[in-house]
């Protein structure tokens, strides 16, 4: 009896079909990773902003607890403690120059969501150990601008500035005390460089990512998160508490 050989149809993916499937999978994975990365960034930004608000409260509490009233000096040697010199009366080692936030003196967390220490600037007349009063005037000592070289001042009567160097960490100090490098320089980083150039002028504006530059655009790379304490805000809270 003859044996019938049944020829079965062979089915499977062609190379083109496999390539299409792989492309679709890659697109889906890329979309997921991109969305996850954005969510992580937004969470870290939100956490850092919350921490900065708590730092402001701690600075108010410090000022109210001192007699005479004053804000703490910056930390220059990365030990978390405010640094006063040996003069009589003592002054801040950093006079109106940003250094590290004295987190240990304030009894708060040390760094931001990117494991960098916060930077801190304070007007000398508000950190001086001789204290300040309702009549103390910091007008023109420090400035908050909306961009480097801008004529638009957001505030020119600031008592203190606290800021995170953001995700790119340019000009920051890590929690391991490692000094991180500055920005690559150039007009695209002018706003970030303004916050680390050692003067009493700072930029605060929305975070912007890397983008195209033309002569008509302002610098587009900025992720510093900046808050400040107005002298009137400080004095108002202290007067309300009966300290001034």
Protein backbone atom coordinates (compact mmCIF):
# COMPACT_ATOMS: atom_id res chain seq x y z
CA UNK A 1 0.00 0.00 0.00
CA UNK A 2 1.53 3.30 -1.04
CA UNK A 3 2.39 5.69 1.67
CA UNK A 4 0.78 9.06 1.17
CA UNK A 5 3.11 11.80 2.03
CA UNK A 6 1.26 14.84 3.25
CA UNK A 7 3.09 18.02 2.62
CA UNK A 8 2.42 20.47 5.40
CA UNK A 9 2.42 24.21 4.81
CA UNK A 10 5.30 25.89 6.57
CA UNK A 11 4.36 29.23 8.17
CA UNK A 12 6.50 31.90 9.88
CA UNK A 13 7.67 35.51 9.85
CA UNK A 14 9.66 36.88 7.01
CA UNK A 15 12.72 39.00 7.75
CA UNK A 16 10.78 42.13 6.77
CA UNK A 17 7.96 41.28 9.17
CA UNK A 18 10.44 40.65 11.99
CA UNK A 19 12.12 43.98 11.27
CA UNK A 20 8.77 45.80 11.45
CA UNK A 21 7.94 44.12 14.77
CA UNK A 22 11.33 45.05 16.22
CA UNK A 23 10.90 48.67 15.12
CA UNK A 24 7.47 48.84 16.78
CA UNK A 25 8.87 47.34 20.01
CA UNK A 26 11.77 49.82 19.98
CA UNK A 27 9.39 52.74 19.52
CA UNK A 28 7.19 51.54 22.39
CA UNK A 29 10.19 51.04 24.69
CA UNK A 30 11.61 54.45 23.75
CA UNK A 31 8.29 56.13 24.46
CA UNK A 32 8.00 54.38 27.83
CA UNK A 33 11.57 55.23 28.85
CA UNK A 34 11.13 58.85 27.78
CA UNK A 35 7.87 59.21 29.72
CA UNK A 36 9.36 57.53 32.79
CA UNK A 37 12.42 59.80 32.64
CA UNK A 38 10.24 62.91 32.43
CA UNK A 39 8.16 61.74 35.40
CA UNK A 40 11.30 61.13 37.46
CA UNK A 41 12.64 64.58 36.58
CA UNK A 42 9.33 66.24 37.50
CA UNK A 43 9.25 64.37 40.81
CA UNK A 44 12.77 65.49 41.67
CA UNK A 45 11.97 69.09 40.76
CA UNK A 46 8.87 69.00 42.96
CA UNK A 47 10.79 67.44 45.87
CA UNK A 48 13.53 70.07 45.59
CA UNK A 49 11.01 72.94 45.53
CA UNK A 50 9.35 71.52 48.65
CA UNK A 51 12.76 71.28 50.35
CA UNK A 52 13.55 74.89 49.46
CA UNK A 53 10.30 76.02 51.09
CA UNK A 54 11.29 74.12 54.24
CA UNK A 55 14.72 75.73 54.14
CA UNK A 56 13.11 79.17 54.08
CA UNK A 57 11.11 78.25 57.18
CA UNK A 58 14.27 77.03 58.90
CA UNK A 59 16.02 80.33 58.09
CA UNK A 60 13.09 82.27 59.56
CA UNK A 61 13.28 80.11 62.67
CA UNK A 62 17.04 80.68 62.99
CA UNK A 63 16.66 84.45 62.67
CA UNK A 64 13.91 84.52 65.28
CA UNK A 65 15.96 82.44 67.72
CA UNK A 66 19.02 84.71 67.63
CA UNK A 67 19.62 87.65 69.91
CA UNK A 68 20.17 90.02 68.23
CA UNK A 69 18.20 88.77 65.24
CA UNK A 70 20.24 87.64 62.23
CA UNK A 71 20.41 85.04 59.45
CA UNK A 72 23.17 82.39 59.45
CA UNK A 73 26.39 82.75 57.48
CA UNK A 74 27.16 80.45 54.53
CA UNK A 75 29.18 77.27 54.99
CA UNK A 76 32.59 77.55 53.28
CA UNK A 77 34.30 74.29 54.24
CA UNK A 78 31.49 71.82 53.51
CA UNK A 79 30.96 70.75 57.12
CA UNK A 80 27.39 72.05 57.19
CA UNK A 81 28.11 74.71 59.81
CA UNK A 82 27.98 78.46 59.29
CA UNK A 83 31.45 80.01 59.07
CA UNK A 84 32.29 83.15 61.06
CA UNK A 85 35.70 84.79 61.03
CA UNK A 86 37.80 85.76 64.07
CA UNK A 87 37.06 89.48 63.94
CA UNK A 88 35.32 91.31 66.79
CA UNK A 89 32.41 91.23 66.33
CA UNK A 90 32.70 88.20 64.02
CA UNK A 91 31.53 88.38 60.42
CA UNK A 92 30.73 85.80 57.78
CA UNK A 93 33.75 84.34 56.04
CA UNK A 94 31.76 84.74 52.82
CA UNK A 95 30.64 88.34 52.65
CA UNK A 96 27.78 88.50 50.14
CA UNK A 97 29.24 85.64 48.12
CA UNK A 98 27.29 82.42 47.60
CA UNK A 99 28.67 79.32 49.32
CA UNK A 100 27.01 76.23 50.78
CA UNK A 101 23.84 76.30 52.84
CA UNK A 102 24.72 75.67 56.53
CA UNK A 103 22.41 72.68 56.71
CA UNK A 104 23.82 71.28 59.97
CA UNK A 105 23.45 74.65 61.69
CA UNK A 106 19.82 74.75 60.55
CA UNK A 107 19.25 71.08 61.44
CA UNK A 108 17.81 70.14 58.03
CA UNK A 109 18.58 67.78 55.14
CA UNK A 110 21.81 68.45 53.31
CA UNK A 111 21.15 68.12 49.60
CA UNK A 112 18.68 68.33 46.76
CA UNK A 113 17.13 65.50 44.74
CA UNK A 114 20.28 65.26 42.58
CA UNK A 115 22.61 64.74 45.57
CA UNK A 116 24.05 68.26 45.45
CA UNK A 117 24.35 70.73 48.31
CA UNK A 118 22.24 73.86 48.17
CA UNK A 119 23.97 77.18 47.52
CA UNK A 120 23.24 80.12 49.81
CA UNK A 121 23.83 83.86 49.67
CA UNK A 122 22.99 86.34 52.40
CA UNK A 123 23.25 90.12 52.63
CA UNK A 124 25.88 91.06 55.21
CA UNK A 125 23.56 93.43 57.06
CA UNK A 126 21.21 90.50 57.69
CA UNK A 127 23.87 87.99 58.77
CA UNK A 128 26.00 90.41 60.80
CA UNK A 129 26.26 89.33 64.44
CA UNK A 130 25.30 92.85 65.50
CA UNK A 131 21.81 91.99 64.26
CA UNK A 132 19.25 93.79 62.14
CA UNK A 133 16.19 95.90 62.85
CA UNK A 134 13.01 97.04 61.14
CA UNK A 135 14.94 100.00 59.73
CA UNK A 136 17.60 97.79 58.09
CA UNK A 137 17.64 98.42 54.34
CA UNK A 138 19.12 95.95 51.82
CA UNK A 139 17.90 97.78 48.71
CA UNK A 140 20.40 97.39 45.88
CA UNK A 141 22.76 95.01 47.69
CA UNK A 142 21.56 91.95 45.82
CA UNK A 143 19.31 91.40 42.82
CA UNK A 144 17.11 88.72 41.30
CA UNK A 145 16.83 89.05 37.52
CA UNK A 146 14.73 87.16 34.97
CA UNK A 147 17.80 86.60 32.77
CA UNK A 148 21.48 87.49 32.77
CA UNK A 149 22.07 91.12 31.85
CA UNK A 150 18.34 91.84 31.94
CA UNK A 151 17.04 95.24 32.96
CA UNK A 152 14.04 93.53 34.55
CA UNK A 153 14.64 93.03 38.25
CA UNK A 154 12.34 90.61 40.06
CA UNK A 155 13.65 91.86 43.41
CA UNK A 156 16.37 94.23 44.58
CA UNK A 157 15.73 94.10 48.33
CA UNK A 158 16.69 90.52 49.10
CA UNK A 159 17.96 89.34 52.46
CA UNK A 160 18.99 85.86 51.29
CA UNK A 161 18.98 83.54 48.25
CA UNK A 162 18.93 79.73 48.27
CA UNK A 163 19.14 77.62 45.15
CA UNK A 164 19.61 74.15 43.74
CA UNK A 165 21.90 73.70 40.73
CA UNK A 166 19.35 71.37 39.20
CA UNK A 167 19.75 68.23 37.15
CA UNK A 168 22.88 69.32 35.25
CA UNK A 169 24.60 70.13 38.61
CA UNK A 170 26.93 72.70 37.02
CA UNK A 171 28.90 74.57 39.67
CA UNK A 172 27.59 72.45 42.54
CA UNK A 173 29.21 70.42 45.30
CA UNK A 174 28.13 66.81 45.73
CA UNK A 175 27.12 65.23 49.01
CA UNK A 176 30.51 63.48 48.86
CA UNK A 177 32.12 66.98 48.88
CA UNK A 178 33.30 66.51 45.29
CA UNK A 179 33.35 69.81 43.40
CA UNK A 180 31.51 69.44 40.12
CA UNK A 181 32.56 71.30 37.02
CA UNK A 182 31.02 74.51 35.78
CA UNK A 183 28.96 74.93 32.65
CA UNK A 184 30.53 74.59 29.18
CA UNK A 185 30.27 78.38 28.91
CA UNK A 186 28.98 80.54 26.11
CA UNK A 187 25.74 82.50 25.71
CA UNK A 188 23.55 79.41 26.10
CA UNK A 189 24.67 79.11 29.74
CA UNK A 190 24.73 82.81 30.65
CA UNK A 191 21.83 82.52 33.10
CA UNK A 192 23.34 79.57 34.96
CA UNK A 193 26.78 81.20 35.00
CA UNK A 194 25.24 84.31 36.59
CA UNK A 195 24.33 82.22 39.63
CA UNK A 196 27.89 80.96 40.15
CA UNK A 197 30.06 83.96 39.21
CA UNK A 198 30.55 85.17 42.78
CA UNK A 199 28.62 88.43 42.62
CA UNK A 200 25.34 89.37 44.30
CA UNK A 201 23.15 89.02 41.21
CA UNK A 202 21.08 85.91 40.56
CA UNK A 203 18.73 84.66 37.86
CA UNK A 204 15.39 83.01 38.55
CA UNK A 205 13.23 81.83 35.68
CA UNK A 206 11.41 78.73 34.44
CA UNK A 207 13.46 75.63 33.69
CA UNK A 208 14.27 75.26 30.00
CA UNK A 209 15.96 72.38 28.20
CA UNK A 210 18.56 72.40 25.48
CA UNK A 211 17.23 73.91 22.26
CA UNK A 212 18.27 75.83 19.17
CA UNK A 213 19.92 79.19 19.62
CA UNK A 214 19.67 82.15 17.32
CA UNK A 215 20.82 85.70 17.80
CA UNK A 216 17.25 86.67 18.59
CA UNK A 217 16.75 84.17 21.43
CA UNK A 218 17.71 84.34 25.07
CA UNK A 219 19.83 81.55 26.57
CA UNK A 220 17.80 78.36 26.59
CA UNK A 221 19.72 76.11 28.99
CA UNK A 222 18.70 76.67 32.61
CA UNK A 223 17.62 74.29 35.36
CA UNK A 224 18.58 76.10 38.57
CA UNK A 225 15.75 76.27 41.11
CA UNK A 226 16.02 79.59 42.93
CA UNK A 227 14.11 81.01 45.91
CA UNK A 228 14.83 84.12 47.91
CA UNK A 229 13.79 85.87 51.09
CA UNK A 230 12.69 89.47 50.71
CA UNK A 231 13.80 91.67 53.57
CA UNK A 232 10.19 92.82 54.00
CA UNK A 233 8.98 89.23 54.09
CA UNK A 234 11.58 88.44 56.77
CA UNK A 235 10.87 91.53 58.86
CA UNK A 236 7.11 91.09 58.51
CA UNK A 237 7.21 87.54 59.86
CA UNK A 238 9.54 88.53 62.70
CA UNK A 239 7.41 91.53 63.63
CA UNK A 240 4.33 89.31 63.61
CA UNK A 241 6.12 86.93 65.98
CA UNK A 242 7.05 89.84 68.24
CA UNK A 243 10.81 89.46 67.67
CA UNK A 244 11.27 92.88 66.02
